[in-house]
Amino acid sequence: MGLSLRDDWDVRVKREFIRQVLSLYQLRGTKLGLEKVLALYLKNSGFGEKVQVFEHFEYLPHYFQVQLTLPDRDPEKYWRQARIAKAIIDQEKPAHTFYTLKILVPTMQITKALYQDFKFTLLKVPAQRLFELIIIVKPDVQNPEKDLLLLSEQLKINLQNQQDNLTFSLDSKNLQSDSFQLIFKINYQAFMRSLDGFKMMLSNQTDS
């Protein structure tokens, strides 16, 4: 049946695996089979039998996640179970698949009802909201500008909305190694008036 018994397994665990080897073999390579094998080991090792396997990730074909829940926080036991669980998964999974193993352990327990209110604001009221619109000016890599600071001082950029030519003022300017950024702050009301888009006008500082 291709069953491998680890030397570090308790005799009780080995006996239970041998007793169920036929039914486990029939499910080998399946999600249900992997869950049963891991649950069988955990249950007979005194660690419960909470096992979950998650699959069908849209952008990761042949990938799955295994989640175990252990009732003990002992670091030595944790890493021992992690090594054994990984060995079981490597043996039972199809060869073309890959996975991550997540082990949950208890961290904090609340033993009585606790009620407390926390006042916080998820989003500021519309009148206080601000939006940032960042314009990045980056010279052509084939003909790079040697003095970006001079260019940023000579170049003038005006930003308006499309609907009623509302002009936005420049808030700050950041000079990078190969570009510079112009940051415009827009309040909520102005932003709502600009849903049709923005209009950017470029000129130099000397003769427009």
N, C-alpha and C. Protein backbone atom coordinates (compact mmCIF):
# COMPACT_ATOMS: atom_id res chain seq x y z
N MET A 1 0.81 -1.21 0.00
CA MET A 1 0.00 0.00 0.00
C MET A 1 0.85 1.27 0.00
N GLY A 2 2.16 1.12 0.01
CA GLY A 2 3.05 2.28 0.00
C GLY A 2 3.01 3.08 1.29
N LEU A 3 2.72 2.43 2.42
CA LEU A 3 2.62 3.13 3.69
C LEU A 3 3.98 3.18 4.37
N SER A 4 4.40 4.39 4.77
CA SER A 4 5.66 4.57 5.49
C SER A 4 5.35 4.96 6.93
N LEU A 5 5.97 4.28 7.87
CA LEU A 5 5.77 4.57 9.29
C LEU A 5 7.05 5.18 9.84
N ARG A 6 6.95 6.36 10.40
CA ARG A 6 8.12 7.06 10.94
C ARG A 6 8.56 6.47 12.27
N ASP A 7 9.87 6.50 12.50
CA ASP A 7 10.41 5.98 13.75
C ASP A 7 9.99 6.81 14.95
N ASP A 8 9.71 8.11 14.72
CA ASP A 8 9.36 8.96 15.86
C ASP A 8 7.86 8.94 16.16
N TRP A 9 7.10 8.04 15.51
CA TRP A 9 5.67 7.90 15.83
C TRP A 9 5.49 6.96 17.02
N ASP A 10 4.51 7.25 17.83
CA ASP A 10 4.15 6.38 18.94
C ASP A 10 3.59 5.06 18.39
N VAL A 11 3.74 4.00 19.14
CA VAL A 11 3.26 2.69 18.69
C VAL A 11 1.76 2.73 18.41
N ARG A 12 1.00 3.45 19.22
CA ARG A 12 -0.44 3.56 19.03
C ARG A 12 -0.76 4.20 17.67
N VAL A 13 0.03 5.20 17.30
CA VAL A 13 -0.18 5.87 16.01
C VAL A 13 0.10 4.90 14.86
N LYS A 14 1.19 4.14 14.97
CA LYS A 14 1.54 3.19 13.92
C LYS A 14 0.46 2.12 13.76
N ARG A 15 -0.07 1.64 14.87
CA ARG A 15 -1.12 0.61 14.80
C ARG A 15 -2.38 1.14 14.12
N GLU A 16 -2.75 2.38 14.42
CA GLU A 16 -3.95 2.96 13.83
C GLU A 16 -3.77 3.19 12.33
N PHE A 17 -2.57 3.59 11.92
CA PHE A 17 -2.30 3.76 10.50
C PHE A 17 -2.39 2.42 9.77
N ILE A 18 -1.82 1.37 10.36
CA ILE A 18 -1.86 0.05 9.74
C ILE A 18 -3.30 -0.46 9.65
N ARG A 19 -4.09 -0.18 10.69
CA ARG A 19 -5.48 -0.64 10.71
C ARG A 19 -6.30 0.01 9.60
N GLN A 20 -5.99 1.26 9.24
CA GLN A 20 -6.78 1.97 8.25
C GLN A 20 -6.06 2.12 6.90
N VAL A 21 -4.99 1.39 6.69
CA VAL A 21 -4.16 1.61 5.51
C VAL A 21 -4.94 1.41 4.21
N LEU A 22 -5.87 0.45 4.16
CA LEU A 22 -6.59 0.17 2.92
C LEU A 22 -7.51 1.33 2.54
N SER A 23 -8.28 1.83 3.51
CA SER A 23 -9.18 2.95 3.20
C SER A 23 -8.41 4.22 2.88
N LEU A 24 -7.26 4.41 3.54
CA LEU A 24 -6.44 5.58 3.26
C LEU A 24 -5.82 5.50 1.87
N TYR A 25 -5.41 4.30 1.48
CA TYR A 25 -4.78 4.12 0.16
C TYR A 25 -5.76 4.46 -0.96
N GLN A 26 -7.01 4.13 -0.76
CA GLN A 26 -8.01 4.40 -1.79
C GLN A 26 -8.25 5.89 -2.00
N LEU A 27 -7.92 6.71 -0.97
CA LEU A 27 -8.10 8.16 -1.06
C LEU A 27 -6.80 8.90 -1.31
N ARG A 28 -5.73 8.18 -1.55
CA ARG A 28 -4.42 8.82 -1.66
C ARG A 28 -4.37 9.78 -2.84
N GLY A 29 -3.78 10.96 -2.60
CA GLY A 29 -3.67 11.97 -3.65
C GLY A 29 -4.86 12.90 -3.74
N THR A 30 -5.85 12.74 -2.84
CA THR A 30 -7.04 13.60 -2.85
C THR A 30 -7.04 14.50 -1.62
N LYS A 31 -7.85 15.55 -1.68
CA LYS A 31 -7.98 16.47 -0.55
C LYS A 31 -8.52 15.73 0.67
N LEU A 32 -9.55 14.91 0.49
CA LEU A 32 -10.14 14.17 1.59
C LEU A 32 -9.13 13.20 2.19
N GLY A 33 -8.35 12.54 1.35
CA GLY A 33 -7.35 11.60 1.83
C GLY A 33 -6.29 12.29 2.69
N LEU A 34 -5.84 13.46 2.25
CA LEU A 34 -4.83 14.19 3.02
C LEU A 34 -5.39 14.65 4.36
N GLU A 35 -6.63 15.12 4.36
CA GLU A 35 -7.26 15.54 5.62
C GLU A 35 -7.39 14.37 6.58
N LYS A 36 -7.79 13.20 6.07
CA LYS A 36 -7.96 12.03 6.93
C LYS A 36 -6.64 11.55 7.52
N VAL A 37 -5.58 11.56 6.71
CA VAL A 37 -4.27 11.10 7.19
C VAL A 37 -3.75 12.02 8.29
N LEU A 38 -3.84 13.32 8.05
CA LEU A 38 -3.35 14.27 9.06
C LEU A 38 -4.20 14.22 10.32
N ALA A 39 -5.52 14.14 10.16
CA ALA A 39 -6.40 14.06 11.33
C ALA A 39 -6.15 12.77 12.12
N LEU A 40 -5.89 11.69 11.42
CA LEU A 40 -5.61 10.42 12.07
C LEU A 40 -4.35 10.52 12.93
N TYR A 41 -3.31 11.14 12.37
CA TYR A 41 -2.07 11.29 13.13
C TYR A 41 -2.29 12.19 14.35
N LEU A 42 -2.92 13.37 14.14
CA LEU A 42 -3.09 14.32 15.23
C LEU A 42 -3.94 13.73 16.36
N LYS A 43 -5.03 13.06 15.99
CA LYS A 43 -5.94 12.50 16.98
C LYS A 43 -5.23 11.47 17.85
N ASN A 44 -4.47 10.58 17.24
CA ASN A 44 -3.80 9.52 17.98
C ASN A 44 -2.52 9.99 18.67
N SER A 45 -2.11 11.22 18.39
CA SER A 45 -0.95 11.79 19.08
C SER A 45 -1.39 12.72 20.20
N GLY A 46 -2.72 12.83 20.41
CA GLY A 46 -3.23 13.67 21.49
C GLY A 46 -3.31 15.14 21.15
N PHE A 47 -3.37 15.47 19.84
CA PHE A 47 -3.42 16.87 19.43
C PHE A 47 -4.74 17.23 18.75
N GLY A 48 -5.79 16.49 19.01
CA GLY A 48 -7.06 16.78 18.37
C GLY A 48 -7.03 16.33 16.92
N GLU A 49 -7.97 16.80 16.13
CA GLU A 49 -8.02 16.37 14.73
C GLU A 49 -8.53 17.49 13.83
N LYS A 50 -8.18 18.76 14.15
CA LYS A 50 -8.63 19.89 13.35
C LYS A 50 -7.69 20.10 12.16
N VAL A 51 -8.15 19.71 11.00
CA VAL A 51 -7.37 19.83 9.78
C VAL A 51 -8.25 20.44 8.70
N GLN A 52 -7.73 21.44 8.00
CA GLN A 52 -8.44 22.03 6.87
C GLN A 52 -7.48 22.16 5.70
N VAL A 53 -7.97 21.80 4.52
CA VAL A 53 -7.18 21.94 3.29
C VAL A 53 -7.94 22.88 2.35
N PHE A 54 -7.27 23.94 1.92
CA PHE A 54 -7.87 24.92 1.03
C PHE A 54 -7.22 24.79 -0.35
N GLU A 55 -8.06 24.76 -1.39
CA GLU A 55 -7.53 24.63 -2.75
C GLU A 55 -8.32 25.55 -3.69
N HIS A 56 -8.05 25.42 -4.99
CA HIS A 56 -8.72 26.21 -6.03
C HIS A 56 -8.42 27.70 -5.88
N PHE A 57 -7.14 28.06 -5.86
CA PHE A 57 -6.73 29.46 -5.88
C PHE A 57 -6.62 29.90 -7.33
N GLU A 58 -7.31 31.00 -7.67
CA GLU A 58 -7.51 31.38 -9.06
C GLU A 58 -6.20 31.58 -9.82
N TYR A 59 -5.22 32.24 -9.19
CA TYR A 59 -3.99 32.58 -9.90
C TYR A 59 -2.83 31.65 -9.54
N LEU A 60 -3.10 30.59 -8.79
CA LEU A 60 -2.05 29.66 -8.40
C LEU A 60 -2.50 28.23 -8.67
N PRO A 61 -2.38 27.77 -9.90
CA PRO A 61 -2.76 26.38 -10.19
C PRO A 61 -1.83 25.40 -9.48
N HIS A 62 -2.39 24.26 -9.09
CA HIS A 62 -1.64 23.19 -8.42
C HIS A 62 -1.14 23.59 -7.03
N TYR A 63 -1.76 24.62 -6.44
CA TYR A 63 -1.34 25.08 -5.12
C TYR A 63 -2.46 24.85 -4.11
N PHE A 64 -2.09 24.48 -2.87
CA PHE A 64 -3.08 24.34 -1.82
C PHE A 64 -2.46 24.73 -0.48
N GLN A 65 -3.33 24.97 0.49
CA GLN A 65 -2.89 25.35 1.84
C GLN A 65 -3.43 24.34 2.84
N VAL A 66 -2.61 24.00 3.80
CA VAL A 66 -3.00 23.08 4.87
C VAL A 66 -2.96 23.83 6.19
N GLN A 67 -4.05 23.76 6.94
CA GLN A 67 -4.14 24.44 8.23
C GLN A 67 -4.43 23.43 9.33
N LEU A 68 -3.55 23.39 10.32
CA LEU A 68 -3.74 22.52 11.48
C LEU A 68 -3.97 23.39 12.71
N THR A 69 -4.76 22.88 13.64
CA THR A 69 -5.01 23.60 14.89
C THR A 69 -4.56 22.72 16.05
N LEU A 70 -3.56 23.21 16.81
CA LEU A 70 -3.02 22.45 17.93
C LEU A 70 -3.42 23.13 19.24
N PRO A 71 -3.74 22.34 20.26
CA PRO A 71 -4.16 22.93 21.54
C PRO A 71 -3.00 23.27 22.46
N ASP A 72 -1.76 23.02 22.03
CA ASP A 72 -0.60 23.18 22.91
C ASP A 72 0.35 24.23 22.32
N ARG A 73 0.85 25.13 23.18
CA ARG A 73 1.78 26.18 22.73
C ARG A 73 3.23 25.81 22.95
N ASP A 74 3.52 24.62 23.41
CA ASP A 74 4.89 24.20 23.68
C ASP A 74 5.71 24.27 22.39
N PRO A 75 6.77 25.11 22.32
CA PRO A 75 7.55 25.27 21.08
C PRO A 75 8.15 23.96 20.58
N GLU A 76 8.65 23.12 21.49
CA GLU A 76 9.26 21.86 21.09
C GLU A 76 8.23 20.95 20.41
N LYS A 77 7.04 20.86 21.00
CA LYS A 77 5.98 20.05 20.40
C LYS A 77 5.53 20.65 19.08
N TYR A 78 5.46 21.98 19.04
CA TYR A 78 5.02 22.66 17.81
C TYR A 78 5.91 22.27 16.63
N TRP A 79 7.22 22.42 16.79
CA TRP A 79 8.13 22.14 15.68
C TRP A 79 8.17 20.65 15.35
N ARG A 80 7.99 19.81 16.36
CA ARG A 80 7.93 18.37 16.09
C ARG A 80 6.72 18.04 15.23
N GLN A 81 5.56 18.60 15.58
CA GLN A 81 4.36 18.35 14.79
C GLN A 81 4.49 18.95 13.39
N ALA A 82 5.15 20.10 13.29
CA ALA A 82 5.34 20.73 11.98
C ALA A 82 6.18 19.85 11.06
N ARG A 83 7.26 19.28 11.61
CA ARG A 83 8.12 18.40 10.79
C ARG A 83 7.37 17.16 10.33
N ILE A 84 6.63 16.55 11.25
CA ILE A 84 5.91 15.32 10.91
C ILE A 84 4.78 15.62 9.92
N ALA A 85 4.04 16.70 10.17
CA ALA A 85 2.96 17.05 9.25
C ALA A 85 3.50 17.31 7.86
N LYS A 86 4.62 18.01 7.75
CA LYS A 86 5.22 18.29 6.44
C LYS A 86 5.63 16.99 5.74
N ALA A 87 6.19 16.06 6.51
CA ALA A 87 6.58 14.78 5.93
C ALA A 87 5.37 14.01 5.41
N ILE A 88 4.27 14.03 6.17
CA ILE A 88 3.04 13.35 5.74
C ILE A 88 2.50 13.99 4.46
N ILE A 89 2.47 15.33 4.42
CA ILE A 89 1.95 16.01 3.23
C ILE A 89 2.81 15.71 2.01
N ASP A 90 4.13 15.77 2.18
CA ASP A 90 5.04 15.50 1.06
C ASP A 90 4.83 14.09 0.51
N GLN A 91 4.50 13.17 1.39
CA GLN A 91 4.30 11.78 0.97
C GLN A 91 2.95 11.58 0.29
N GLU A 92 1.92 12.29 0.74
CA GLU A 92 0.56 12.03 0.27
C GLU A 92 0.14 12.92 -0.90
N LYS A 93 0.74 14.07 -1.09
CA LYS A 93 0.28 14.99 -2.13
C LYS A 93 0.72 14.53 -3.51
N PRO A 94 -0.03 14.92 -4.57
CA PRO A 94 0.42 14.66 -5.94
C PRO A 94 1.74 15.37 -6.21
N ALA A 95 2.59 14.78 -7.03
CA ALA A 95 3.95 15.28 -7.23
C ALA A 95 3.98 16.68 -7.84
N HIS A 96 2.99 17.03 -8.65
CA HIS A 96 3.04 18.31 -9.37
C HIS A 96 2.48 19.48 -8.55
N THR A 97 2.06 19.23 -7.33
CA THR A 97 1.45 20.29 -6.51
C THR A 97 2.46 20.86 -5.52
N PHE A 98 2.17 22.06 -5.01
CA PHE A 98 2.97 22.67 -3.95
C PHE A 98 2.02 23.33 -2.95
N TYR A 99 2.53 23.63 -1.75
CA TYR A 99 1.63 24.01 -0.68
C TYR A 99 2.33 24.87 0.36
N THR A 100 1.54 25.43 1.27
CA THR A 100 2.06 26.05 2.49
C THR A 100 1.35 25.40 3.67
N LEU A 101 2.06 25.31 4.78
CA LEU A 101 1.53 24.71 5.99
C LEU A 101 1.37 25.79 7.05
N LYS A 102 0.16 25.90 7.60
CA LYS A 102 -0.13 26.89 8.63
C LYS A 102 -0.61 26.15 9.88
N ILE A 103 0.03 26.43 11.01
CA ILE A 103 -0.33 25.76 12.26
C ILE A 103 -0.81 26.80 13.25
N LEU A 104 -2.05 26.66 13.71
CA LEU A 104 -2.64 27.58 14.67
C LEU A 104 -2.49 27.03 16.08
N VAL A 105 -2.12 27.90 17.02
CA VAL A 105 -2.01 27.51 18.43
C VAL A 105 -2.72 28.57 19.26
N PRO A 106 -3.20 28.23 20.45
CA PRO A 106 -3.87 29.24 21.29
C PRO A 106 -2.88 30.29 21.76
N THR A 107 -3.31 31.56 21.74
CA THR A 107 -2.44 32.66 22.18
C THR A 107 -3.03 33.40 23.37
N MET A 108 -4.35 33.58 23.39
CA MET A 108 -4.97 34.29 24.50
C MET A 108 -6.38 33.76 24.68
N GLN A 109 -6.81 33.64 25.90
CA GLN A 109 -8.15 33.17 26.18
C GLN A 109 -8.87 34.17 27.07
N ILE A 110 -10.13 34.49 26.73
CA ILE A 110 -10.97 35.35 27.56
C ILE A 110 -11.93 34.44 28.33
N THR A 111 -11.83 34.46 29.64
CA THR A 111 -12.60 33.50 30.44
C THR A 111 -13.91 34.06 30.96
N LYS A 112 -14.16 35.36 30.72
CA LYS A 112 -15.44 35.94 31.13
C LYS A 112 -15.85 36.98 30.10
N ALA A 113 -17.13 37.30 30.10
CA ALA A 113 -17.63 38.26 29.12
C ALA A 113 -16.96 39.61 29.32
N LEU A 114 -16.53 40.21 28.22
CA LEU A 114 -15.85 41.49 28.28
C LEU A 114 -16.52 42.44 27.30
N TYR A 115 -16.98 43.57 27.81
CA TYR A 115 -17.64 44.56 26.96
C TYR A 115 -16.93 45.90 27.13
N GLN A 116 -16.50 46.45 26.02
CA GLN A 116 -15.83 47.73 26.06
C GLN A 116 -16.04 48.44 24.73
N ASP A 117 -16.32 49.73 24.80
CA ASP A 117 -16.55 50.51 23.59
C ASP A 117 -15.28 51.25 23.21
N PHE A 118 -14.94 51.20 21.92
CA PHE A 118 -13.80 51.95 21.40
C PHE A 118 -14.35 52.93 20.36
N LYS A 119 -14.16 54.22 20.62
CA LYS A 119 -14.65 55.22 19.69
C LYS A 119 -13.54 55.52 18.67
N PHE A 120 -13.87 55.37 17.42
CA PHE A 120 -12.90 55.67 16.37
C PHE A 120 -13.65 56.08 15.12
N THR A 121 -12.94 56.74 14.23
CA THR A 121 -13.52 57.19 12.98
C THR A 121 -12.87 56.43 11.83
N LEU A 122 -13.65 55.66 11.13
CA LEU A 122 -13.11 54.91 10.00
C LEU A 122 -12.76 55.83 8.85
N LEU A 123 -13.63 56.76 8.52
CA LEU A 123 -13.38 57.74 7.48
C LEU A 123 -13.80 59.11 8.00
N LYS A 124 -13.02 60.11 7.66
CA LYS A 124 -13.40 61.46 8.04
C LYS A 124 -14.67 61.87 7.32
N VAL A 125 -15.38 62.82 7.90
CA VAL A 125 -16.58 63.32 7.24
C VAL A 125 -16.16 63.95 5.92
N PRO A 126 -17.05 63.93 4.91
CA PRO A 126 -16.67 64.41 3.57
C PRO A 126 -16.02 65.78 3.55
N ALA A 127 -16.49 66.68 4.38
CA ALA A 127 -15.96 68.04 4.34
C ALA A 127 -14.48 68.09 4.73
N GLN A 128 -13.97 67.06 5.43
CA GLN A 128 -12.59 67.07 5.91
C GLN A 128 -11.68 66.14 5.12
N ARG A 129 -12.20 65.46 4.15
CA ARG A 129 -11.37 64.52 3.39
C ARG A 129 -10.51 65.24 2.36
N LEU A 130 -9.30 64.73 2.20
CA LEU A 130 -8.37 65.28 1.21
C LEU A 130 -7.88 64.16 0.30
N PHE A 131 -7.71 64.48 -0.96
CA PHE A 131 -7.16 63.53 -1.94
C PHE A 131 -5.86 64.11 -2.48
N GLU A 132 -4.93 63.21 -2.80
CA GLU A 132 -3.67 63.62 -3.41
C GLU A 132 -3.64 63.18 -4.85
N LEU A 133 -3.28 64.10 -5.74
CA LEU A 133 -3.07 63.74 -7.14
C LEU A 133 -1.61 64.05 -7.44
N ILE A 134 -0.85 63.05 -7.83
CA ILE A 134 0.59 63.18 -8.02
C ILE A 134 0.92 63.11 -9.51
N ILE A 135 1.62 64.11 -9.99
CA ILE A 135 2.10 64.13 -11.38
C ILE A 135 3.59 63.86 -11.36
N ILE A 136 4.04 62.87 -12.11
CA ILE A 136 5.45 62.50 -12.16
C ILE A 136 6.01 62.93 -13.52
N VAL A 137 7.06 63.72 -13.48
CA VAL A 137 7.73 64.17 -14.71
C VAL A 137 9.06 63.43 -14.79
N LYS A 138 9.21 62.63 -15.84
CA LYS A 138 10.41 61.82 -16.00
C LYS A 138 10.97 62.01 -17.41
N PRO A 139 12.17 62.57 -17.55
CA PRO A 139 12.74 62.80 -18.88
C PRO A 139 12.97 61.50 -19.64
N ASP A 140 13.08 61.63 -20.94
CA ASP A 140 13.33 60.48 -21.81
C ASP A 140 14.65 59.82 -21.45
N VAL A 141 14.64 58.51 -21.29
CA VAL A 141 15.88 57.80 -20.92
C VAL A 141 16.93 57.89 -22.00
N GLN A 142 16.49 58.05 -23.26
CA GLN A 142 17.45 58.16 -24.37
C GLN A 142 18.15 59.52 -24.37
N ASN A 143 17.51 60.52 -23.77
CA ASN A 143 18.09 61.86 -23.73
C ASN A 143 17.85 62.47 -22.35
N PRO A 144 18.51 61.92 -21.34
CA PRO A 144 18.20 62.32 -19.96
C PRO A 144 18.59 63.77 -19.68
N GLU A 145 17.79 64.37 -18.82
CA GLU A 145 18.07 65.75 -18.40
C GLU A 145 19.12 65.73 -17.30
N LYS A 146 20.16 66.54 -17.46
CA LYS A 146 21.25 66.52 -16.50
C LYS A 146 20.89 67.29 -15.22
N ASP A 147 20.13 68.36 -15.35
CA ASP A 147 19.81 69.19 -14.19
C ASP A 147 18.30 69.15 -13.95
N LEU A 148 17.85 68.17 -13.19
CA LEU A 148 16.42 68.03 -12.93
C LEU A 148 15.89 69.17 -12.06
N LEU A 149 16.73 69.68 -11.16
CA LEU A 149 16.29 70.78 -10.31
C LEU A 149 15.96 72.01 -11.15
N LEU A 150 16.84 72.31 -12.12
CA LEU A 150 16.58 73.45 -12.99
C LEU A 150 15.32 73.23 -13.82
N LEU A 151 15.15 72.01 -14.32
CA LEU A 151 13.97 71.69 -15.11
C LEU A 151 12.69 71.85 -14.29
N SER A 152 12.73 71.36 -13.04
CA SER A 152 11.55 71.46 -12.18
C SER A 152 11.20 72.91 -11.86
N GLU A 153 12.22 73.78 -11.85
CA GLU A 153 11.96 75.19 -11.58
C GLU A 153 11.47 75.92 -12.82
N GLN A 154 11.92 75.48 -14.00
CA GLN A 154 11.51 76.14 -15.23
C GLN A 154 10.14 75.68 -15.72
N LEU A 155 9.81 74.44 -15.44
CA LEU A 155 8.56 73.87 -15.95
C LEU A 155 7.39 74.27 -15.05
N LYS A 156 6.35 74.75 -15.67
CA LYS A 156 5.16 75.16 -14.93
C LYS A 156 4.00 74.25 -15.31
N ILE A 157 3.33 73.70 -14.31
CA ILE A 157 2.22 72.78 -14.57
C ILE A 157 0.98 73.28 -13.83
N ASN A 158 -0.06 73.51 -14.57
CA ASN A 158 -1.34 73.90 -14.00
C ASN A 158 -2.31 72.72 -14.10
N LEU A 159 -3.09 72.52 -13.05
CA LEU A 159 -4.04 71.42 -13.01
C LEU A 159 -5.44 71.97 -12.80
N GLN A 160 -6.36 71.58 -13.66
CA GLN A 160 -7.75 72.01 -13.57
C GLN A 160 -8.66 70.81 -13.73
N ASN A 161 -9.92 70.98 -13.37
CA ASN A 161 -10.88 69.93 -13.67
C ASN A 161 -11.51 70.20 -15.04
N GLN A 162 -12.18 69.21 -15.59
CA GLN A 162 -12.72 69.32 -16.94
C GLN A 162 -14.03 70.08 -16.98
N GLN A 163 -14.75 70.07 -15.87
CA GLN A 163 -16.12 70.56 -15.90
C GLN A 163 -16.22 72.09 -15.88
N ASP A 164 -15.58 72.73 -14.88
CA ASP A 164 -15.74 74.18 -14.74
C ASP A 164 -14.42 74.91 -14.59
N ASN A 165 -13.32 74.27 -15.08
CA ASN A 165 -12.00 74.89 -15.05
C ASN A 165 -11.57 75.34 -13.65
N LEU A 166 -11.91 74.52 -12.67
CA LEU A 166 -11.47 74.78 -11.30
C LEU A 166 -9.98 74.48 -11.21
N THR A 167 -9.17 75.44 -10.79
CA THR A 167 -7.72 75.29 -10.74
C THR A 167 -7.29 74.83 -9.35
N PHE A 168 -6.36 73.86 -9.31
CA PHE A 168 -5.85 73.34 -8.05
C PHE A 168 -4.44 73.87 -7.82
N SER A 169 -4.13 74.19 -6.59
CA SER A 169 -2.81 74.74 -6.27
C SER A 169 -1.84 73.63 -5.92
N LEU A 170 -0.57 73.87 -6.27
CA LEU A 170 0.48 72.89 -5.98
C LEU A 170 0.77 72.87 -4.49
N ASP A 171 0.80 71.66 -3.91
CA ASP A 171 1.04 71.52 -2.47
C ASP A 171 2.52 71.32 -2.17
N SER A 172 3.18 70.43 -2.92
CA SER A 172 4.60 70.17 -2.67
C SER A 172 5.25 69.59 -3.91
N LYS A 173 6.59 69.58 -3.89
CA LYS A 173 7.36 69.06 -5.02
C LYS A 173 8.48 68.19 -4.48
N ASN A 174 8.65 66.99 -5.01
CA ASN A 174 9.69 66.07 -4.57
C ASN A 174 10.63 65.76 -5.72
N LEU A 175 11.92 65.96 -5.51
CA LEU A 175 12.93 65.69 -6.53
C LEU A 175 13.50 64.30 -6.32
N GLN A 176 13.42 63.46 -7.35
CA GLN A 176 13.98 62.11 -7.31
C GLN A 176 15.28 62.06 -8.11
N SER A 177 15.89 60.88 -8.17
CA SER A 177 17.15 60.75 -8.90
C SER A 177 16.95 60.89 -10.40
N ASP A 178 15.81 60.42 -10.93
CA ASP A 178 15.59 60.48 -12.38
C ASP A 178 14.27 61.14 -12.74
N SER A 179 13.60 61.77 -11.77
CA SER A 179 12.31 62.40 -12.04
C SER A 179 11.97 63.34 -10.90
N PHE A 180 10.88 64.07 -11.04
CA PHE A 180 10.37 64.85 -9.92
C PHE A 180 8.86 64.75 -9.90
N GLN A 181 8.31 64.91 -8.70
CA GLN A 181 6.88 64.73 -8.49
C GLN A 181 6.24 66.05 -8.05
N LEU A 182 5.08 66.32 -8.59
CA LEU A 182 4.27 67.46 -8.18
C LEU A 182 3.02 66.93 -7.50
N ILE A 183 2.77 67.33 -6.28
CA ILE A 183 1.67 66.80 -5.49
C ILE A 183 0.62 67.88 -5.30
N PHE A 184 -0.59 67.59 -5.73
CA PHE A 184 -1.72 68.51 -5.59
C PHE A 184 -2.69 67.94 -4.55
N LYS A 185 -3.10 68.76 -3.60
CA LYS A 185 -4.09 68.34 -2.60
C LYS A 185 -5.47 68.82 -3.05
N ILE A 186 -6.44 67.92 -3.04
CA ILE A 186 -7.79 68.24 -3.52
C ILE A 186 -8.78 67.86 -2.43
N ASN A 187 -9.61 68.80 -2.03
CA ASN A 187 -10.59 68.49 -1.00
C ASN A 187 -11.78 67.73 -1.60
N TYR A 188 -12.63 67.27 -0.72
CA TYR A 188 -13.73 66.39 -1.14
C TYR A 188 -14.67 67.08 -2.13
N GLN A 189 -15.03 68.32 -1.84
CA GLN A 189 -15.97 69.02 -2.71
C GLN A 189 -15.39 69.21 -4.11
N ALA A 190 -14.11 69.62 -4.17
CA ALA A 190 -13.47 69.82 -5.48
C ALA A 190 -13.32 68.49 -6.22
N PHE A 191 -13.05 67.44 -5.46
CA PHE A 191 -12.91 66.12 -6.10
C PHE A 191 -14.23 65.68 -6.72
N MET A 192 -15.33 65.89 -6.01
CA MET A 192 -16.64 65.50 -6.53
C MET A 192 -17.01 66.32 -7.77
N ARG A 193 -16.47 67.52 -7.88
CA ARG A 193 -16.72 68.34 -9.07
C ARG A 193 -15.80 67.97 -10.22
N SER A 194 -14.88 67.03 -9.98
CA SER A 194 -13.88 66.67 -10.99
C SER A 194 -14.01 65.22 -11.44
N LEU A 195 -15.18 64.64 -11.28
CA LEU A 195 -15.35 63.23 -11.63
C LEU A 195 -15.25 63.00 -13.13
N ASP A 196 -15.41 64.06 -13.94
CA ASP A 196 -15.26 63.91 -15.39
C ASP A 196 -13.80 63.89 -15.82
N GLY A 197 -12.88 64.13 -14.89
CA GLY A 197 -11.47 64.08 -15.23
C GLY A 197 -10.76 65.38 -14.95
N PHE A 198 -9.45 65.38 -15.20
CA PHE A 198 -8.62 66.54 -14.94
C PHE A 198 -7.95 67.00 -16.24
N LYS A 199 -7.50 68.24 -16.24
CA LYS A 199 -6.82 68.81 -17.40
C LYS A 199 -5.49 69.39 -16.91
N MET A 200 -4.39 69.00 -17.56
CA MET A 200 -3.07 69.45 -17.16
C MET A 200 -2.47 70.29 -18.27
N MET A 201 -1.93 71.46 -17.91
CA MET A 201 -1.32 72.35 -18.89
C MET A 201 0.13 72.58 -18.50
N LEU A 202 1.04 72.42 -19.46
CA LEU A 202 2.47 72.59 -19.22
C LEU A 202 2.98 73.81 -19.97
N SER A 203 3.84 74.58 -19.32
CA SER A 203 4.49 75.72 -19.96
C SER A 203 5.80 75.97 -19.24
N ASN A 204 6.64 76.86 -19.80
CA ASN A 204 7.84 77.24 -19.04
C ASN A 204 7.57 78.51 -18.26
N GLN A 205 8.48 78.83 -17.37
CA GLN A 205 8.27 79.97 -16.48
C GLN A 205 8.59 81.30 -17.12
N THR A 206 9.31 81.28 -18.27
CA THR A 206 9.79 82.54 -18.83
C THR A 206 8.81 83.21 -19.78
N ASP A 207 8.34 82.47 -20.79
CA ASP A 207 7.47 83.10 -21.78
C ASP A 207 6.14 82.37 -22.00
N SER A 208 5.82 81.44 -21.12
CA SER A 208 4.55 80.70 -21.19
C SER A 208 4.30 80.09 -22.56
